[in-house]
Amino acid sequence: MEPRNNTQMSEFLLLGFSEDLELQPLLFGLFLSMYLVTVLGNLLIILATISDSHLHTPMYFFLSILSFVDICFTSTSIPKMLVNIQTQSKAITYSGCITQMYFLLFFAGLDDFLLAVMAYDRFVAICHPLHYTVIMNPRLCMLMVLVSSIISALHSLLQSLMVLRLSFCIDMDIPHFFCELNQVVHRACSDTFLNDMVIYFAAVLLAIGPLAGILYSYSKIVSSIHAISSAQGKYKAFSTCASHLSVVSLFYCTCIGVYLSSAVTQNSHSTATASVMYMVVTPMLNPFIYSLRNKDIKRSLKSLLGRETLKVPIVLRLKKCP
């Protein structure tokens, strides 16, 4: 069979979770609900950090960036899947697939780096509290976010260009609900050895690098907390990083779970189902983790929502006035 060059490709087919028509309304409602909760929850975190001057600190600056990235991360795949379910079409254009893949890799990588940056922020706050404001100055905070964005963008660009060099045959069915890099590469007719090497090498660097930074930061944090004499002091120090530690655990556990599920089973639909955990569930739960375990965020959200609810009766009374 002669391969067709990638420049002649028109579209891929995203097979999603199930081809059962009776399940489509259920899937549509489920993912629409999770997407709206994700966007609303993360948007509230962003508004809370912007509106409350007490939250204008490096930790909450990084948290607002993380919330924005989570909204973008889910928005690269879920809306397209909802449109495909609603229109009963599984098609995605070749250029659309490459674009989606680029932004998925970009926001996933940026998410990973931000978690490492936030771990460093907690390390400085607990281990060097007297020098915290000097070390974590606005310039350094912006620089760390910028460097993380540039590295993620270069990685995404590299992977996208590597896919563009491939040729594809007639097997354009992707057993996933988004253009997942491995699935797209394995649809190619041409040799994918170089692509596989780049994927594995980049995965090792971009996963182990931030994870090593996180583990190092928390090893120092644990040592510092252990040196505190009072139990109340230990609790106060640990509570400042408990939310971040929960998010890190959720992020890496879901990623490892997806990797193990793809390695153990050859069922691509099972892998797609497992991918929902880090694609949708993790960004959806992050606002709840931070709002439930963080008194400052809870206070700010109550204040924000309180102001909004007070505006409604005021507006209604003004409308009644002649």
Protein backbone atom coordinates (compact mmCIF):
# COMPACT_ATOMS: atom_id res chain seq x y z
CA MET A 1 0.00 0.00 0.00
CA GLU A 2 1.40 3.37 -1.01
CA PRO A 3 1.48 5.92 1.79
CA ARG A 4 -0.11 9.24 1.23
CA ASN A 5 2.00 12.25 2.09
CA ASN A 6 0.86 14.24 5.08
CA THR A 7 0.27 17.31 2.91
CA GLN A 8 -2.56 15.39 1.20
CA MET A 9 -4.30 14.48 4.46
CA SER A 10 -7.67 16.08 5.04
CA GLU A 11 -8.86 14.74 8.38
CA PHE A 12 -8.56 12.24 11.23
CA LEU A 13 -11.43 10.49 12.98
CA LEU A 14 -11.61 10.72 16.78
CA LEU A 15 -13.41 7.55 17.85
CA GLY A 16 -13.93 8.73 21.44
CA PHE A 17 -15.15 6.40 24.18
CA SER A 18 -18.04 4.52 22.63
CA GLU A 19 -19.88 4.27 19.35
CA ASP A 20 -23.14 3.37 21.11
CA LEU A 21 -25.62 6.09 20.13
CA GLU A 22 -27.60 5.63 23.33
CA LEU A 23 -24.56 6.61 25.42
CA GLN A 24 -23.86 9.82 23.50
CA PRO A 25 -26.38 12.04 25.38
CA LEU A 26 -25.02 10.73 28.69
CA LEU A 27 -21.41 11.41 27.66
CA PHE A 28 -22.36 14.87 26.39
CA GLY A 29 -24.08 15.81 29.65
CA LEU A 30 -21.30 14.36 31.80
CA PHE A 31 -18.43 16.10 30.03
CA LEU A 32 -20.32 19.36 29.61
CA SER A 33 -20.97 19.42 33.36
CA MET A 34 -17.34 18.64 34.22
CA TYR A 35 -16.08 21.25 31.74
CA LEU A 36 -18.35 23.98 33.15
CA VAL A 37 -17.35 23.11 36.72
CA THR A 38 -13.67 23.22 35.69
CA VAL A 39 -13.97 26.62 34.00
CA LEU A 40 -16.13 28.15 36.74
CA GLY A 41 -14.01 26.80 39.61
CA ASN A 42 -10.69 27.93 38.15
CA LEU A 43 -12.17 31.27 37.09
CA LEU A 44 -13.31 31.90 40.67
CA ILE A 45 -9.77 31.19 41.91
CA ILE A 46 -8.40 33.73 39.41
CA LEU A 47 -10.98 36.38 40.35
CA ALA A 48 -10.38 35.77 44.06
CA THR A 49 -6.62 36.27 43.75
CA ILE A 50 -7.07 39.41 41.64
CA SER A 51 -9.75 41.05 43.78
CA ASP A 52 -8.19 40.42 47.21
CA SER A 53 -5.08 42.49 47.89
CA HIS A 54 -4.08 40.05 50.66
CA LEU A 55 -3.58 37.40 47.98
CA HIS A 56 -1.16 39.48 45.90
CA THR A 57 1.75 37.21 46.85
CA PRO A 58 3.96 34.87 44.77
CA MET A 59 2.11 31.75 45.94
CA TYR A 60 -1.29 33.02 44.78
CA PHE A 61 0.20 34.54 41.64
CA PHE A 62 1.39 31.07 40.62
CA LEU A 63 -1.96 29.60 41.66
CA SER A 64 -3.84 32.01 39.39
CA ILE A 65 -1.52 31.14 36.50
CA LEU A 66 -2.08 27.42 37.20
CA SER A 67 -5.86 27.95 37.17
CA PHE A 68 -5.65 29.79 33.85
CA VAL A 69 -3.51 27.00 32.36
CA ASP A 70 -6.00 24.38 33.59
CA ILE A 71 -8.85 26.21 31.85
CA CYS A 72 -6.86 26.36 28.61
CA PHE A 73 -5.76 22.71 28.96
CA THR A 74 -9.31 21.36 29.13
CA SER A 75 -10.53 23.85 26.51
CA THR A 76 -8.18 22.40 23.89
CA SER A 77 -10.02 19.05 23.82
CA ILE A 78 -13.39 19.00 25.59
CA PRO A 79 -15.27 21.58 23.45
CA LYS A 80 -14.25 19.76 20.27
CA MET A 81 -15.41 16.45 21.73
CA LEU A 82 -18.75 18.00 22.74
CA VAL A 83 -19.24 19.40 19.24
CA ASN A 84 -18.46 15.99 17.71
CA ILE A 85 -20.98 14.28 20.00
CA GLN A 86 -23.66 16.88 19.28
CA THR A 87 -23.16 16.78 15.51
CA GLN A 88 -22.53 13.00 15.49
CA SER A 89 -19.31 13.65 13.60
CA LYS A 90 -15.95 12.22 14.60
CA ALA A 91 -13.89 14.21 12.12
CA ILE A 92 -11.10 16.64 12.93
CA THR A 93 -9.05 18.27 10.19
CA TYR A 94 -5.38 17.41 9.80
CA SER A 95 -4.33 20.99 10.64
CA GLY A 96 -6.82 21.05 13.51
CA CYS A 97 -5.36 17.85 14.91
CA ILE A 98 -1.80 19.17 14.78
CA THR A 99 -2.90 22.46 16.37
CA GLN A 100 -4.79 20.68 19.13
CA MET A 101 -1.82 18.41 19.80
CA TYR A 102 0.52 21.42 20.01
CA PHE A 103 -1.58 23.24 22.61
CA LEU A 104 -2.26 20.08 24.61
CA LEU A 105 1.47 19.44 24.92
CA PHE A 106 2.14 23.10 25.67
CA PHE A 107 -0.38 23.44 28.51
CA ALA A 108 0.41 19.98 29.94
CA GLY A 109 4.12 20.84 30.06
CA LEU A 110 3.44 24.28 31.52
CA ASP A 111 1.23 22.68 34.18
CA ASP A 112 4.09 20.39 35.15
CA PHE A 113 6.62 23.22 35.37
CA LEU A 114 4.27 25.42 37.37
CA LEU A 115 3.88 22.70 40.00
CA ALA A 116 7.68 22.61 40.32
CA VAL A 117 7.84 26.42 40.56
CA MET A 118 5.16 26.39 43.26
CA ALA A 119 7.14 23.77 45.19
CA TYR A 120 10.19 26.05 45.06
CA ASP A 121 8.04 28.91 46.32
CA ARG A 122 6.95 26.82 49.34
CA PHE A 123 10.58 25.78 49.91
CA VAL A 124 11.71 29.41 50.13
CA ALA A 125 8.73 30.40 52.31
CA ILE A 126 9.34 27.64 54.88
CA CYS A 127 13.12 27.21 54.77
CA HIS A 128 14.07 30.89 54.26
CA PRO A 129 11.13 32.89 55.65
CA LEU A 130 13.19 36.01 56.46
CA HIS A 131 14.45 36.29 52.88
CA TYR A 132 11.20 35.22 51.18
CA THR A 133 10.16 38.62 49.86
CA VAL A 134 13.69 39.34 48.65
CA ILE A 135 14.16 36.00 46.87
CA MET A 136 10.62 35.65 45.47
CA ASN A 137 10.49 39.15 43.99
CA PRO A 138 8.07 39.96 41.13
CA ARG A 139 10.89 39.87 38.57
CA LEU A 140 11.90 36.31 39.52
CA CYS A 141 8.28 35.16 39.56
CA MET A 142 7.65 36.49 36.06
CA LEU A 143 10.96 35.07 34.85
CA MET A 144 10.14 31.56 36.12
CA VAL A 145 6.73 31.62 34.42
CA LEU A 146 8.31 32.95 31.20
CA VAL A 147 11.06 30.31 31.13
CA SER A 148 8.51 27.57 31.82
CA SER A 149 6.36 28.85 28.95
CA ILE A 150 9.29 29.00 26.54
CA ILE A 151 10.47 25.45 27.34
CA SER A 152 6.91 24.11 26.98
CA ALA A 153 6.43 25.97 23.70
CA LEU A 154 9.71 24.65 22.25
CA HIS A 155 8.85 21.09 23.27
CA SER A 156 5.38 21.36 21.70
CA LEU A 157 6.85 22.84 18.53
CA LEU A 158 9.44 20.06 18.29
CA GLN A 159 6.85 17.31 18.66
CA SER A 160 4.50 18.96 16.15
CA LEU A 161 7.27 19.34 13.55
CA MET A 162 8.24 15.70 14.07
CA VAL A 163 4.66 14.67 13.28
CA LEU A 164 4.54 16.88 10.20
CA ARG A 165 7.41 14.92 8.64
CA LEU A 166 5.40 11.67 8.75
CA SER A 167 3.34 10.16 5.95
CA PHE A 168 -0.02 8.53 6.61
CA CYS A 169 -2.03 5.75 4.97
CA ILE A 170 -5.78 5.23 4.99
CA ASP A 171 -5.94 4.22 8.67
CA MET A 172 -6.87 7.61 10.10
CA ASP A 173 -8.96 6.37 13.06
CA ILE A 174 -7.65 7.64 16.41
CA PRO A 175 -9.12 5.60 19.30
CA HIS A 176 -9.18 8.61 21.60
CA PHE A 177 -11.26 11.72 22.27
CA PHE A 178 -8.39 14.06 21.34
CA CYS A 179 -5.30 14.00 19.13
CA GLU A 180 -2.97 12.22 21.54
CA LEU A 181 0.65 12.31 20.35
CA ASN A 182 1.39 8.58 20.50
CA GLN A 183 -1.87 7.65 18.80
CA VAL A 184 -1.25 10.08 15.93
CA VAL A 185 2.35 8.91 15.44
CA HIS A 186 1.30 5.25 15.37
CA ARG A 187 -1.18 5.97 12.56
CA ALA A 188 1.73 6.79 10.25
CA CYS A 189 2.96 4.52 7.47
CA SER A 190 6.49 5.90 7.49
CA ASP A 191 9.20 4.98 9.97
CA THR A 192 8.43 6.39 13.44
CA PHE A 193 11.64 5.32 15.22
CA LEU A 194 12.97 8.89 15.43
CA ASN A 195 9.59 10.17 16.64
CA ASP A 196 9.47 7.51 19.36
CA MET A 197 12.97 8.37 20.53
CA VAL A 198 12.14 12.10 20.70
CA ILE A 199 8.90 11.37 22.58
CA TYR A 200 10.56 9.14 25.17
CA PHE A 201 13.61 11.38 25.60
CA ALA A 202 11.45 14.50 26.03
CA ALA A 203 9.09 12.69 28.41
CA VAL A 204 12.00 11.66 30.63
CA LEU A 205 13.47 15.16 30.71
CA LEU A 206 10.21 17.08 31.14
CA ALA A 207 8.74 14.67 33.69
CA ILE A 208 11.77 13.76 35.80
CA GLY A 209 13.21 17.31 35.82
CA PRO A 210 10.25 19.05 37.49
CA LEU A 211 9.53 15.99 39.66
CA ALA A 212 13.13 16.01 40.93
CA GLY A 213 12.76 19.70 41.78
CA ILE A 214 9.51 19.00 43.64
CA LEU A 215 11.00 16.09 45.60
CA TYR A 216 14.09 18.12 46.50
CA SER A 217 12.01 21.08 47.66
CA TYR A 218 9.77 18.92 49.83
CA SER A 219 12.71 17.01 51.30
CA LYS A 220 14.08 20.34 52.53
CA ILE A 221 10.61 21.40 53.68
CA VAL A 222 10.16 18.21 55.70
CA SER A 223 13.58 18.71 57.31
CA SER A 224 12.71 22.29 58.24
CA ILE A 225 9.32 21.31 59.65
CA HIS A 226 10.90 18.47 61.64
CA ALA A 227 13.29 20.99 63.23
CA ILE A 228 10.38 23.11 64.56
CA SER A 229 9.88 22.39 68.25
CA SER A 230 6.18 23.21 68.77
CA ALA A 231 3.39 21.08 67.33
CA GLN A 232 1.41 24.20 66.42
CA GLY A 233 4.37 25.57 64.48
CA LYS A 234 4.74 22.31 62.59
CA TYR A 235 1.04 22.26 61.71
CA LYS A 236 1.09 25.89 60.54
CA ALA A 237 4.16 25.30 58.37
CA PHE A 238 2.75 22.12 56.82
CA SER A 239 -0.68 23.65 56.19
CA THR A 240 0.87 26.25 53.87
CA CYS A 241 1.93 23.54 51.42
CA ALA A 242 -0.74 20.85 52.02
CA SER A 243 -2.93 22.02 49.12
CA HIS A 244 -0.02 22.10 46.69
CA LEU A 245 1.15 18.67 47.83
CA SER A 246 -2.35 17.29 47.22
CA VAL A 247 -2.45 18.75 43.69
CA VAL A 248 1.04 17.40 42.90
CA SER A 249 0.06 13.93 44.13
CA LEU A 250 -3.15 13.98 42.08
CA PHE A 251 -1.35 15.18 38.93
CA TYR A 252 1.48 12.65 39.00
CA CYS A 253 -0.65 9.73 40.20
CA THR A 254 -3.11 10.21 37.33
CA CYS A 255 -0.27 10.56 34.80
CA ILE A 256 1.41 7.39 36.10
CA GLY A 257 -1.96 5.63 36.05
CA VAL A 258 -2.50 6.53 32.38
CA TYR A 259 1.03 5.37 31.51
CA LEU A 260 0.57 2.04 33.31
CA SER A 261 -2.86 1.46 31.77
CA SER A 262 -1.46 2.02 28.26
CA ALA A 263 1.51 -0.27 29.00
CA VAL A 264 -0.55 -3.10 30.53
CA THR A 265 -3.54 -3.13 28.20
CA GLN A 266 -3.70 -2.83 24.44
CA ASN A 267 -7.28 -1.56 24.63
CA SER A 268 -7.07 2.03 23.41
CA HIS A 269 -10.55 2.85 24.74
CA SER A 270 -9.36 1.94 28.25
CA THR A 271 -6.43 4.31 27.80
CA ALA A 272 -8.80 7.06 26.64
CA THR A 273 -10.96 6.52 29.72
CA ALA A 274 -7.90 6.70 31.97
CA SER A 275 -6.81 9.93 30.24
CA VAL A 276 -9.98 11.60 31.49
CA MET A 277 -8.41 11.62 34.96
CA TYR A 278 -5.62 14.05 34.09
CA MET A 279 -7.37 15.79 31.20
CA VAL A 280 -10.61 16.67 33.00
CA VAL A 281 -10.83 15.40 36.58
CA THR A 282 -7.53 16.87 37.86
CA PRO A 283 -8.16 20.43 36.54
CA MET A 284 -11.73 20.18 37.89
CA LEU A 285 -10.61 19.14 41.40
CA ASN A 286 -7.75 21.64 41.77
CA PRO A 287 -10.01 24.61 42.72
CA PHE A 288 -11.83 22.47 45.29
CA ILE A 289 -8.54 21.33 46.83
CA TYR A 290 -7.24 24.88 47.17
CA SER A 291 -10.54 26.39 48.33
CA LEU A 292 -11.31 23.68 50.90
CA ARG A 293 -7.82 23.51 52.41
CA ASN A 294 -6.85 27.18 52.23
CA LYS A 295 -8.40 29.68 54.65
CA ASP A 296 -7.25 32.71 52.64
CA ILE A 297 -8.89 31.44 49.45
CA LYS A 298 -12.10 30.53 51.31
CA ARG A 299 -12.28 33.98 52.88
CA SER A 300 -11.63 35.69 49.56
CA LEU A 301 -14.23 33.57 47.75
CA LYS A 302 -16.84 34.31 50.42
CA SER A 303 -16.08 38.00 50.11
CA LEU A 304 -16.21 37.86 46.29
CA LEU A 305 -19.46 35.88 46.16
CA GLY A 306 -20.93 38.04 48.92
CA ARG A 307 -20.34 41.21 46.90
CA GLU A 308 -21.91 39.65 43.81
CA THR A 309 -25.03 38.53 45.69
CA LEU A 310 -25.43 41.99 47.25
CA LYS A 311 -25.39 43.60 43.80
CA VAL A 312 -28.56 41.76 42.72
CA PRO A 313 -31.04 43.29 45.23
CA ILE A 314 -29.42 46.72 44.81
CA VAL A 315 -29.93 46.56 41.03
CA LEU A 316 -33.52 45.38 41.49
CA ARG A 317 -34.29 48.27 43.87
CA LEU A 318 -32.78 50.78 41.45
CA LYS A 319 -34.96 49.45 38.65
CA LYS A 320 -38.08 49.93 40.76
CA CYS A 321 -37.23 53.57 41.44
CA PRO A 322 -39.16 56.01 39.18
